[in-house]
Amino acid sequence: MKPDLDTLNAEIQHYVDEKGFVLFHSYSRLSDTTEVLHWDTSRYPDYRMFLDVAARTGARMIVYHHRDFTADYLEDALARLEEADLPREEKRDLDQRVRALRVYEGFTCALEISFDFENRIYMFDLRTDWYDELLDILEEIEESFAGAESSEEGPLGGYFSRN
C-alpha cells in the first residue's frame, strides 16, 4: 500500500529544509526534454535515501512538485467519457468509477522530488492508487478514440490493395 501523500508532502518539505537543501517548487518535470532517471520507489520507497544520494552528488537544489486532486480532474474525465465511442454499459461503468473518486478531492495525489546531475534529471515520484485508477480510466477512454480513428474509412472508401 502506498503512503499517505498529504503527510509525506509535509515530511519531505521539512526534511529537505533540515538537510540544508534549497527547495524549488516547480511544475511536474515528467515531460522535461532532459533524460529522466526514475528512482525505484517500489523497492526503495524511503525518500530520505533518494535525498541522501542527491547530497552525495553535491546537489544543493531540490526541485519539488506535488499535485492536489481537484474536481477539475474528474470533470475533464467525465467530459472525455461523454465524447468517447464506447458501448453504453462500458460508459456507465467508467462513469461510476470516475464519480467514486470524488471522495479524494483535496488530497495530494502525486509528488515528485528531483535534482539535476551531469545533464540528467534524477526523480523520485509517487502517486496514490486512486490517482493511478483515474489515469487507467483516462487511458481506456483515450483508447476508444484511437480505435474510432483507425476504423474510419480511408480516402479510397475502405478499399485497399494488398499489392
Foldseek 3Di string as FASTA:
>chain_A
DDDQVQVVVVVVVVVCVVVQAAEAEDADCPVPPFAEDEDPCVVPVDVVVVVVVCVVLPHRYKYKYWDFAAVVLLVVLLVLLVVFPDDPVVSVVLNVLSVVCVVRHGGTFKMKIWTDDPRYIYIYMDGDPSVVVSVVSSVVSVVRVVVVVVPDADPVRNDDDPD
